[in-house]
Amino acid sequence: MTKRPCPICKKPRTEEFTPFCSSRCRDRDLAQWFNDGYAVPGPPAAPEDIATED
């Protein structure tokens, strides 16, 4: 298995924070999700459509 670097800063990963190197990079990644820095591809969903899926 090849060792991949941390996806945020490219430093070597640590087992404790895999796939990141530290809690700082892990928290930066989480903040990206919370602040709409990442997105799942596809058309936007209307709130009405989401409510009727149940």
N, C-alpha and C. Protein backbone atom coordinates (compact mmCIF):
# COMPACT_ATOMS: atom_id res chain seq x y z
N MET A 1 0.84 -1.18 0.00
CA MET A 1 0.00 0.00 0.00
C MET A 1 0.89 1.25 0.00
N THR A 2 0.56 2.19 -0.85
CA THR A 2 1.32 3.43 -0.88
C THR A 2 0.78 4.39 0.15
N LYS A 3 1.67 5.15 0.73
CA LYS A 3 1.25 6.13 1.73
C LYS A 3 0.89 7.42 1.02
N ARG A 4 -0.33 7.83 1.19
CA ARG A 4 -0.79 9.09 0.60
C ARG A 4 -0.62 10.22 1.60
N PRO A 5 -0.36 11.41 1.11
CA PRO A 5 -0.22 12.55 2.02
C PRO A 5 -1.58 13.06 2.50
N CYS A 6 -1.53 13.90 3.47
CA CYS A 6 -2.73 14.57 3.97
C CYS A 6 -3.37 15.34 2.82
N PRO A 7 -4.68 15.21 2.62
CA PRO A 7 -5.33 15.90 1.51
C PRO A 7 -5.38 17.42 1.67
N ILE A 8 -5.14 17.94 2.85
CA ILE A 8 -5.20 19.38 3.08
C ILE A 8 -3.83 20.03 2.90
N CYS A 9 -2.81 19.53 3.58
CA CYS A 9 -1.50 20.19 3.56
C CYS A 9 -0.40 19.38 2.88
N LYS A 10 -0.69 18.15 2.52
CA LYS A 10 0.26 17.26 1.82
C LYS A 10 1.40 16.74 2.69
N LYS A 11 1.32 16.90 4.00
CA LYS A 11 2.31 16.31 4.91
C LYS A 11 1.95 14.83 5.10
N PRO A 12 2.86 14.02 5.66
CA PRO A 12 2.54 12.61 5.91
C PRO A 12 1.37 12.46 6.87
N ARG A 13 0.52 11.49 6.62
CA ARG A 13 -0.62 11.22 7.49
C ARG A 13 -0.17 10.62 8.81
N THR A 14 -1.02 10.76 9.83
CA THR A 14 -0.79 10.07 11.08
C THR A 14 -1.95 9.12 11.30
N GLU A 15 -1.68 8.02 11.98
CA GLU A 15 -2.72 7.02 12.20
C GLU A 15 -3.87 7.58 13.05
N GLU A 16 -3.54 8.42 13.99
CA GLU A 16 -4.56 8.99 14.88
C GLU A 16 -5.59 9.84 14.14
N PHE A 17 -5.16 10.56 13.10
CA PHE A 17 -6.04 11.50 12.41
C PHE A 17 -6.31 11.10 10.96
N THR A 18 -6.04 9.87 10.58
CA THR A 18 -6.21 9.42 9.20
C THR A 18 -7.58 9.81 8.68
N PRO A 19 -7.67 10.37 7.50
CA PRO A 19 -6.67 10.53 6.45
C PRO A 19 -5.89 11.83 6.54
N PHE A 20 -5.94 12.51 7.67
CA PHE A 20 -5.25 13.79 7.83
C PHE A 20 -3.99 13.61 8.65
N CYS A 21 -3.20 14.67 8.74
CA CYS A 21 -1.96 14.61 9.52
C CYS A 21 -2.15 15.12 10.94
N SER A 22 -3.18 15.92 11.18
CA SER A 22 -3.37 16.52 12.49
C SER A 22 -4.84 16.91 12.70
N SER A 23 -5.15 17.29 13.91
CA SER A 23 -6.52 17.74 14.19
C SER A 23 -6.80 19.06 13.48
N ARG A 24 -5.77 19.86 13.27
CA ARG A 24 -5.94 21.13 12.56
C ARG A 24 -6.44 20.89 11.14
N CYS A 25 -5.82 19.97 10.42
CA CYS A 25 -6.26 19.68 9.04
C CYS A 25 -7.63 19.02 9.04
N ARG A 26 -7.88 18.17 10.01
CA ARG A 26 -9.21 17.54 10.11
C ARG A 26 -10.29 18.60 10.32
N ASP A 27 -10.00 19.58 11.18
CA ASP A 27 -10.96 20.65 11.46
C ASP A 27 -11.13 21.58 10.26
N ARG A 28 -10.05 21.83 9.52
CA ARG A 28 -10.16 22.66 8.31
C ARG A 28 -11.06 21.98 7.28
N ASP A 29 -10.94 20.66 7.15
CA ASP A 29 -11.79 19.92 6.22
C ASP A 29 -13.26 20.00 6.65
N LEU A 30 -13.52 19.84 7.92
CA LEU A 30 -14.89 19.93 8.43
C LEU A 30 -15.46 21.32 8.19
N ALA A 31 -14.65 22.35 8.39
CA ALA A 31 -15.10 23.72 8.15
C ALA A 31 -15.44 23.94 6.67
N GLN A 32 -14.70 23.30 5.77
CA GLN A 32 -15.01 23.39 4.34
C GLN A 32 -16.42 22.86 4.08
N TRP A 33 -16.77 21.74 4.69
CA TRP A 33 -18.12 21.18 4.50
C TRP A 33 -19.19 22.13 5.08
N PHE A 34 -18.94 22.66 6.27
CA PHE A 34 -19.93 23.54 6.91
C PHE A 34 -20.12 24.84 6.14
N ASN A 35 -19.07 25.33 5.49
CA ASN A 35 -19.14 26.62 4.79
C ASN A 35 -19.38 26.46 3.30
N ASP A 36 -19.90 25.33 2.87
CA ASP A 36 -20.20 25.05 1.46
C ASP A 36 -18.97 25.13 0.57
N GLY A 37 -17.80 24.80 1.11
CA GLY A 37 -16.59 24.76 0.32
C GLY A 37 -16.53 23.53 -0.57
N TYR A 38 -17.25 22.48 -0.17
CA TYR A 38 -17.35 21.27 -0.96
C TYR A 38 -18.80 21.12 -1.39
N ALA A 39 -19.02 20.43 -2.49
CA ALA A 39 -20.39 20.20 -2.95
C ALA A 39 -20.46 18.85 -3.65
N VAL A 40 -21.58 18.19 -3.51
CA VAL A 40 -21.83 16.95 -4.21
C VAL A 40 -22.41 17.32 -5.56
N PRO A 41 -21.85 16.77 -6.66
CA PRO A 41 -22.34 17.17 -7.98
C PRO A 41 -23.78 16.72 -8.23
N GLY A 42 -24.49 17.51 -8.98
CA GLY A 42 -25.87 17.20 -9.34
C GLY A 42 -26.72 18.44 -9.32
N PRO A 43 -27.93 18.31 -9.81
CA PRO A 43 -28.81 19.47 -9.81
C PRO A 43 -29.24 19.82 -8.38
N PRO A 44 -29.46 21.09 -8.12
CA PRO A 44 -29.93 21.48 -6.79
C PRO A 44 -31.30 20.87 -6.49
N ALA A 45 -31.52 20.50 -5.27
CA ALA A 45 -32.80 19.92 -4.86
C ALA A 45 -33.68 21.01 -4.26
N ALA A 46 -34.93 21.02 -4.66
CA ALA A 46 -35.89 21.97 -4.10
C ALA A 46 -36.33 21.48 -2.72
N PRO A 47 -36.47 22.35 -1.73
CA PRO A 47 -36.90 21.92 -0.40
C PRO A 47 -38.21 21.14 -0.41
N GLU A 48 -39.11 21.48 -1.33
CA GLU A 48 -40.39 20.78 -1.40
C GLU A 48 -40.19 19.32 -1.81
N ASP A 49 -39.24 19.07 -2.73
CA ASP A 49 -38.96 17.71 -3.17
C ASP A 49 -38.35 16.87 -2.06
N ILE A 50 -37.51 17.47 -1.25
CA ILE A 50 -36.88 16.77 -0.15
C ILE A 50 -37.93 16.38 0.88
N ALA A 51 -38.87 17.25 1.17
CA ALA A 51 -39.90 16.98 2.16
C ALA A 51 -40.84 15.87 1.73
N THR A 52 -41.05 15.68 0.43
CA THR A 52 -41.98 14.65 -0.03
C THR A 52 -41.34 13.29 -0.24
N GLU A 53 -40.03 13.16 -0.04
CA GLU A 53 -39.36 11.87 -0.23
C GLU A 53 -39.70 10.86 0.85
N ASP A 54 -40.20 11.28 1.99
CA ASP A 54 -40.52 10.36 3.10
C ASP A 54 -41.71 9.59 2.72
